[in-house]
Amino acid sequence: MITRIAQRQLNMATYQQLKQAGIPSGTIAGRSRPGGPWQRLLPRVYLLQTGPPDSRQHALAAVLYAARPPADPLSGATAALTGGAALALLGIRDAPPDPLDVVVRAPRTVAAAGRVRTGSTARWPATISVSGVPCTRPVRAAADFAARADDSALVRSVLANVVQGGWCHPHDLHAELRAGRLQHRPAVLAAASELVAGVRSIAEGQARDTLAATDLPAPLWNPRLYGADGSFLASPDAYWPEEGVALEIDSAEYHYTRDAWQATLQRRLRLEAHGVLVASTTPAIFRDTPQDVIAALRALLLLGADRSEPAPVSARGHAQLELPLPRYAPRARDSV
């Protein structure tokens, strides 16, 4: 019986499971002493091996600790990993794996222990299994992360990466933030407004801040551009539809392999063939010498405004939500 439990639970078992398998308390204590074949990772949670636990075992141990017996801890019915730890388990960039945040079904509460930080909730989320660990869905994990994080830049980065990676739609994330009454938190305001405006990465968020401080008109963020015949052209990072000017922020991480660079050039050629004026930069250039980017954009916007006919391109994108964001209200115009 204990072998079957260990196979299901990444070679771990709770004290109650070990007792139900017929193992006496004295045997459990003896085997988990220093130098023994087992290890006590958390109160009432044992690792049935001598080697060190990996990140998945640490994550599941947190859920085993917080789950309510006799319910199956893998069901996600009484406890689930959430926040940055759940997002890190999914491989979402910048998501911090520590602390191990676990939600517990109210009215039950569980004390924090070691790296485990618990929170009781009556708004029980849908759960999924990630590498054998019960987790909240990415949209809830992102909201729970934002609820406890104090680093505004990290909140912006993680929420942007959740949306950029396709784990949830910005509208759904905003709804989750509202449901958790988080939309007024200072660390969440900027991130929420950026995502609804169309910003999809921390580099774009920084670019939006820089552009907002200038007298340049506000662009659309990540619109989908189509030619006169309805063919899809590209989705630049920012686009000024009246002037036909696009901004591309290309990072080395995503664009400088041979195939990615060639795809970037082909996309740029499609835009230029349809009369779109393209300004290209990198996150580092925009961060270190923003005046150079602003000067280039200013020149292209003047050129675009002086043209007798606008570029034969239409811009489409998601409709913006109305947010109570007085300090960070998005200025981008709705696309059509």
Protein backbone atom coordinates (compact mmCIF):
# COMPACT_ATOMS: atom_id res chain seq x y z
CA MET A 1 0.00 0.00 0.00
CA ILE A 2 2.72 2.48 0.92
CA THR A 3 4.52 1.72 -2.35
CA ARG A 4 1.41 2.66 -4.33
CA ILE A 5 1.01 5.89 -2.34
CA ALA A 6 4.68 6.79 -2.86
CA GLN A 7 4.38 6.20 -6.61
CA ARG A 8 1.39 8.56 -6.82
CA GLN A 9 2.95 11.23 -4.61
CA LEU A 10 6.48 11.63 -5.96
CA ASN A 11 7.91 9.26 -3.34
CA MET A 12 6.25 11.03 -0.42
CA ALA A 13 3.60 10.21 2.16
CA THR A 14 1.86 11.91 5.05
CA TYR A 15 1.93 10.68 8.63
CA GLN A 16 -1.71 9.62 8.41
CA GLN A 17 -1.07 7.67 5.20
CA LEU A 18 1.88 5.87 6.77
CA LYS A 19 -0.21 4.99 9.84
CA GLN A 20 -3.06 3.73 7.65
CA ALA A 21 -0.53 1.54 5.84
CA GLY A 22 0.20 -0.14 9.19
CA ILE A 23 3.54 1.51 9.98
CA PRO A 24 3.91 2.21 13.72
CA SER A 25 4.74 5.71 14.98
CA GLY A 26 8.04 4.50 16.38
CA THR A 27 9.08 3.12 13.00
CA ILE A 28 8.20 6.38 11.28
CA ALA A 29 10.24 8.35 13.81
CA GLY A 30 13.18 5.96 13.56
CA ARG A 31 13.34 5.93 9.78
CA SER A 32 13.18 9.72 9.59
CA ARG A 33 16.05 10.36 12.02
CA PRO A 34 19.24 11.94 10.59
CA GLY A 35 20.99 9.34 8.47
CA GLY A 36 17.83 7.26 8.14
CA PRO A 37 16.19 6.14 4.88
CA TRP A 38 13.39 8.74 5.14
CA GLN A 39 13.31 12.50 5.58
CA ARG A 40 10.77 14.70 7.33
CA LEU A 41 10.26 17.63 4.94
CA LEU A 42 7.40 19.33 6.79
CA PRO A 43 5.23 18.51 9.80
CA ARG A 44 3.50 15.20 9.02
CA VAL A 45 5.11 14.97 5.53
CA TYR A 46 7.87 12.44 4.78
CA LEU A 47 10.13 11.91 1.79
CA LEU A 48 10.74 8.18 1.38
CA GLN A 49 14.26 8.45 -0.03
CA THR A 50 17.76 9.39 1.09
CA GLY A 51 18.57 11.84 -1.73
CA PRO A 52 17.61 15.54 -1.60
CA PRO A 53 14.13 16.53 -2.77
CA ASP A 54 13.72 18.29 -6.10
CA SER A 55 11.53 21.33 -6.78
CA ARG A 56 8.46 19.23 -7.63
CA GLN A 57 8.74 17.28 -4.39
CA HIS A 58 9.06 20.49 -2.38
CA ALA A 59 5.94 21.83 -4.12
CA LEU A 60 3.90 18.69 -3.57
CA ALA A 61 5.08 18.45 0.05
CA ALA A 62 3.53 21.88 0.64
CA VAL A 63 0.18 20.62 -0.66
CA LEU A 64 0.41 17.37 1.31
CA TYR A 65 1.06 19.41 4.44
CA ALA A 66 -1.94 21.71 3.90
CA ALA A 67 -4.46 19.19 2.52
CA ARG A 68 -7.27 18.10 4.78
CA PRO A 69 -7.34 14.39 5.62
CA PRO A 70 -8.87 12.02 4.74
CA ALA A 71 -9.47 13.69 1.33
CA ASP A 72 -7.10 12.65 -1.45
CA PRO A 73 -4.42 15.39 -1.38
CA LEU A 74 -3.92 15.05 -5.14
CA SER A 75 -7.54 15.94 -5.86
CA GLY A 76 -7.02 19.66 -5.28
CA ALA A 77 -10.26 19.69 -3.29
CA THR A 78 -8.89 21.08 0.00
CA ALA A 79 -5.44 22.53 -0.83
CA ALA A 80 -3.57 23.60 -3.96
CA LEU A 81 -0.32 25.31 -4.87
CA THR A 82 -0.79 28.87 -6.13
CA GLY A 83 1.03 32.18 -6.63
CA GLY A 84 4.55 32.41 -7.98
CA ALA A 85 5.38 28.81 -7.05
CA ALA A 86 2.57 27.45 -9.24
CA LEU A 87 3.54 29.75 -12.10
CA ALA A 88 7.21 28.73 -11.77
CA LEU A 89 6.17 25.08 -11.95
CA LEU A 90 4.51 25.89 -15.29
CA GLY A 91 7.78 27.44 -16.48
CA ILE A 92 6.49 31.03 -16.62
CA ARG A 93 9.40 33.46 -16.81
CA ASP A 94 10.32 35.53 -13.74
CA ALA A 95 7.83 33.70 -11.51
CA PRO A 96 9.56 33.19 -8.14
CA PRO A 97 9.43 29.59 -6.84
CA ASP A 98 9.59 30.79 -3.23
CA PRO A 99 7.66 31.00 -1.01
CA LEU A 100 5.43 27.98 -1.60
CA ASP A 101 1.98 29.59 -1.47
CA VAL A 102 -0.88 27.18 -0.84
CA VAL A 103 -4.59 28.00 -0.77
CA VAL A 104 -6.71 26.12 1.77
CA ARG A 105 -10.49 25.78 1.59
CA ALA A 106 -12.20 27.97 4.20
CA PRO A 107 -13.13 27.91 7.01
CA ARG A 108 -10.14 25.69 7.68
CA THR A 109 -6.80 27.38 8.34
CA VAL A 110 -3.30 25.92 8.36
CA ALA A 111 -0.23 27.45 9.99
CA ALA A 112 2.74 28.43 7.85
CA ALA A 113 5.72 26.07 8.02
CA GLY A 114 9.20 26.37 6.58
CA ARG A 115 8.92 27.68 3.01
CA VAL A 116 5.16 27.11 2.99
CA ARG A 117 2.85 30.13 3.22
CA THR A 118 -0.85 29.36 3.48
CA GLY A 119 -4.02 31.32 2.87
CA SER A 120 -7.62 30.36 3.57
CA THR A 121 -10.24 31.22 0.92
CA ALA A 122 -13.98 30.80 0.56
CA ARG A 123 -13.67 31.53 -3.18
CA TRP A 124 -12.36 28.09 -4.03
CA PRO A 125 -10.65 27.97 -7.45
CA ALA A 126 -10.66 25.40 -10.20
CA THR A 127 -7.48 23.34 -10.00
CA ILE A 128 -5.23 21.46 -12.41
CA SER A 129 -2.39 18.98 -11.99
CA VAL A 130 1.03 20.31 -13.02
CA SER A 131 3.74 17.64 -13.03
CA GLY A 132 1.78 15.74 -10.40
CA VAL A 133 1.17 18.77 -8.15
CA PRO A 134 -2.37 20.15 -7.59
CA CYS A 135 -2.26 23.83 -8.61
CA THR A 136 -4.70 26.64 -9.17
CA ARG A 137 -5.18 27.62 -12.80
CA PRO A 138 -2.68 30.19 -14.13
CA VAL A 139 -5.15 33.08 -13.99
CA ARG A 140 -5.83 32.49 -10.27
CA ALA A 141 -2.17 31.77 -9.51
CA ALA A 142 -1.23 35.09 -11.14
CA ALA A 143 -3.83 36.98 -9.11
CA ASP A 144 -2.73 35.29 -5.88
CA PHE A 145 0.88 36.22 -6.70
CA ALA A 146 -0.10 39.84 -7.29
CA ALA A 147 -2.02 39.89 -4.00
CA ARG A 148 1.12 39.25 -1.95
CA ALA A 149 3.99 40.63 -4.03
CA ASP A 150 5.42 44.04 -3.16
CA ASP A 151 7.79 44.47 -6.11
CA SER A 152 5.81 46.42 -8.74
CA ALA A 153 8.30 45.66 -11.51
CA LEU A 154 8.14 41.93 -10.77
CA VAL A 155 4.33 41.98 -10.72
CA ARG A 156 4.29 43.69 -14.12
CA SER A 157 6.77 41.21 -15.53
CA VAL A 158 5.06 38.07 -14.22
CA LEU A 159 1.54 39.14 -15.23
CA ALA A 160 2.79 40.12 -18.67
CA ASN A 161 4.54 36.76 -19.08
CA VAL A 162 1.39 34.89 -18.06
CA VAL A 163 -0.58 36.68 -20.80
CA GLN A 164 2.27 36.65 -23.32
CA GLY A 165 2.64 32.89 -22.89
CA GLY A 166 -1.03 32.36 -23.71
CA TRP A 167 -1.91 31.04 -20.24
CA CYS A 168 -4.89 33.38 -19.97
CA HIS A 169 -6.59 36.29 -21.73
CA PRO A 170 -6.04 39.77 -20.24
CA HIS A 171 -9.79 40.19 -19.80
CA ASP A 172 -9.94 37.02 -17.70
CA LEU A 173 -6.96 38.14 -15.64
CA HIS A 174 -8.58 41.51 -15.02
CA ALA A 175 -11.80 39.77 -13.94
CA GLU A 176 -9.82 37.62 -11.52
CA LEU A 177 -8.04 40.66 -10.10
CA ARG A 178 -11.39 42.35 -9.57
CA ALA A 179 -12.87 39.22 -7.96
CA GLY A 180 -9.96 39.21 -5.54
CA ARG A 181 -10.41 42.98 -4.92
CA LEU A 182 -6.85 43.59 -6.05
CA GLN A 183 -7.31 46.17 -8.81
CA HIS A 184 -6.56 49.09 -6.49
CA ARG A 185 -3.26 47.74 -5.15
CA PRO A 186 -0.36 49.97 -6.30
CA ALA A 187 1.63 46.98 -7.57
CA VAL A 188 -1.33 45.84 -9.70
CA LEU A 189 -2.54 49.15 -11.18
CA ALA A 190 0.17 49.63 -13.80
CA ALA A 191 0.23 45.96 -14.80
CA ALA A 192 -3.57 45.80 -15.23
CA SER A 193 -3.74 48.96 -17.33
CA GLU A 194 -0.90 47.79 -19.57
CA LEU A 195 -2.43 44.38 -20.22
CA VAL A 196 -5.81 45.85 -21.09
CA ALA A 197 -4.16 48.43 -23.34
CA GLY A 198 -2.53 45.58 -25.24
CA VAL A 199 0.94 45.52 -23.67
CA ARG A 200 2.28 41.97 -23.53
CA SER A 201 5.78 42.15 -22.05
CA ILE A 202 7.77 44.06 -19.46
CA ALA A 203 9.83 45.66 -22.26
CA GLU A 204 6.62 46.95 -23.84
CA GLY A 205 5.46 48.20 -20.44
CA GLN A 206 8.65 50.20 -20.02
CA ALA A 207 8.28 51.53 -23.56
CA ARG A 208 4.71 52.56 -22.79
CA ASP A 209 5.89 54.48 -19.73
CA THR A 210 8.56 56.23 -21.81
CA LEU A 211 6.19 57.16 -24.63
CA ALA A 212 3.53 58.36 -22.19
CA ALA A 213 6.00 60.94 -20.87
CA THR A 214 6.46 62.49 -24.34
CA ASP A 215 4.19 64.59 -26.54
CA LEU A 216 3.93 61.81 -29.13
CA PRO A 217 0.42 60.54 -29.87
CA ALA A 218 -0.56 57.32 -28.09
CA PRO A 219 -0.22 54.19 -30.22
CA LEU A 220 -2.19 50.97 -30.34
CA TRP A 221 -0.33 48.14 -28.61
CA ASN A 222 0.00 44.77 -30.34
CA PRO A 223 -2.75 45.36 -32.91
CA ARG A 224 -3.22 42.94 -35.81
CA LEU A 225 -2.52 44.66 -39.13
CA TYR A 226 -4.22 43.62 -42.37
CA GLY A 227 -3.70 44.64 -45.98
CA ALA A 228 -6.43 46.03 -48.22
CA ASP A 229 -7.17 42.51 -49.47
CA GLY A 230 -7.73 41.27 -45.92
CA SER A 231 -4.44 39.38 -45.67
CA PHE A 232 -2.71 39.38 -42.27
CA LEU A 233 0.55 41.33 -42.27
CA ALA A 234 1.96 41.42 -38.76
CA SER A 235 1.31 42.39 -35.15
CA PRO A 236 3.90 45.06 -34.25
CA ASP A 237 4.53 46.02 -30.66
CA ALA A 238 3.05 49.48 -31.22
CA TYR A 239 1.31 51.13 -34.16
CA TRP A 240 0.18 54.66 -35.01
CA PRO A 241 -2.69 54.09 -37.49
CA GLU A 242 -3.12 57.69 -38.66
CA GLU A 243 0.55 58.02 -39.58
CA GLY A 244 1.15 54.39 -40.61
CA VAL A 245 4.15 53.97 -38.26
CA ALA A 246 5.06 50.77 -36.43
CA LEU A 247 7.45 50.17 -33.53
CA GLU A 248 9.18 46.81 -33.18
CA ILE A 249 11.04 45.94 -29.94
CA ASP A 250 13.09 42.87 -30.75
CA SER A 251 15.00 41.12 -27.98
CA ALA A 252 18.01 38.91 -28.63
CA GLU A 253 16.38 36.09 -26.66
CA TYR A 254 13.47 35.75 -29.08
CA HIS A 255 14.68 37.21 -32.36
CA TYR A 256 18.37 36.55 -32.91
CA THR A 257 18.45 32.90 -33.94
CA ARG A 258 18.82 32.55 -37.70
CA ASP A 259 15.23 31.46 -38.28
CA ALA A 260 13.74 34.00 -35.89
CA TRP A 261 15.79 36.84 -37.36
CA GLN A 262 14.74 35.86 -40.88
CA ALA A 263 11.08 35.77 -39.79
CA THR A 264 11.52 39.23 -38.25
CA LEU A 265 12.94 40.61 -41.50
CA GLN A 266 10.16 39.03 -43.56
CA ARG A 267 7.54 40.56 -41.28
CA ARG A 268 9.21 43.94 -41.61
CA LEU A 269 9.33 43.63 -45.39
CA ARG A 270 5.60 42.88 -45.49
CA LEU A 271 4.88 46.00 -43.49
CA GLU A 272 7.16 48.19 -45.59
CA ALA A 273 5.69 46.79 -48.80
CA HIS A 274 2.32 48.09 -47.61
CA GLY A 275 3.67 51.54 -46.84
CA VAL A 276 4.14 51.13 -43.09
CA LEU A 277 7.16 53.01 -41.69
CA VAL A 278 8.97 50.77 -39.20
CA ALA A 279 11.19 51.85 -36.29
CA SER A 280 13.21 48.95 -34.86
CA THR A 281 14.92 48.79 -31.49
CA THR A 282 15.83 46.45 -28.64
CA PRO A 283 14.77 46.55 -24.98
CA ALA A 284 18.30 47.60 -24.01
CA ILE A 285 18.39 50.50 -26.48
CA PHE A 286 14.97 51.71 -25.36
CA ARG A 287 16.06 51.48 -21.73
CA ASP A 288 19.54 53.03 -22.06
CA THR A 289 19.07 55.61 -24.84
CA PRO A 290 15.33 56.23 -25.14
CA GLN A 291 15.98 59.63 -26.71
CA ASP A 292 17.31 57.93 -29.85
CA VAL A 293 14.15 55.87 -30.22
CA ILE A 294 11.92 58.87 -29.55
CA ALA A 295 13.81 60.92 -32.17
CA ALA A 296 13.39 58.17 -34.77
CA LEU A 297 9.69 57.81 -34.01
CA ARG A 298 9.17 61.56 -34.17
CA ALA A 299 10.78 61.71 -37.61
CA LEU A 300 8.74 58.78 -38.94
CA LEU A 301 5.50 60.18 -37.54
CA LEU A 302 6.18 63.48 -39.33
CA LEU A 303 6.86 61.61 -42.56
CA GLY A 304 3.68 59.59 -42.17
CA ALA A 305 1.58 62.65 -41.40
CA ASP A 306 2.87 64.43 -44.51
CA ARG A 307 1.86 61.64 -46.89
CA SER A 308 -0.98 62.43 -49.26
CA GLU A 309 -2.58 59.04 -48.63
CA PRO A 310 -2.34 56.86 -45.52
CA ALA A 311 -0.85 53.38 -45.68
CA PRO A 312 -3.48 50.91 -47.02
CA VAL A 313 -3.50 48.99 -43.74
CA SER A 314 -6.25 48.36 -41.20
CA ALA A 315 -5.59 47.71 -37.51
CA ARG A 316 -7.66 45.38 -35.40
CA GLY A 317 -7.30 44.40 -31.78
CA HIS A 318 -9.19 43.58 -28.61
CA ALA A 319 -11.72 46.10 -27.30
CA GLN A 320 -10.43 47.91 -24.25
CA LEU A 321 -12.04 47.41 -20.88
CA GLU A 322 -13.18 50.32 -18.77
CA LEU A 323 -10.98 50.24 -15.70
CA PRO A 324 -11.00 52.37 -12.55
CA LEU A 325 -7.39 53.36 -13.11
CA PRO A 326 -7.18 57.14 -12.68
CA ARG A 327 -3.38 57.30 -12.55
CA TYR A 328 -2.59 54.73 -15.24
CA ALA A 329 -5.62 54.95 -17.53
CA PRO A 330 -4.60 53.67 -20.99
CA ARG A 331 -4.45 56.38 -23.62
CA ALA A 332 -4.30 54.07 -26.61
CA ARG A 333 -7.18 54.47 -29.02
CA ASP A 334 -9.59 51.62 -29.59
CA SER A 335 -8.87 49.72 -32.78
CA VAL A 336 -11.53 48.96 -35.32
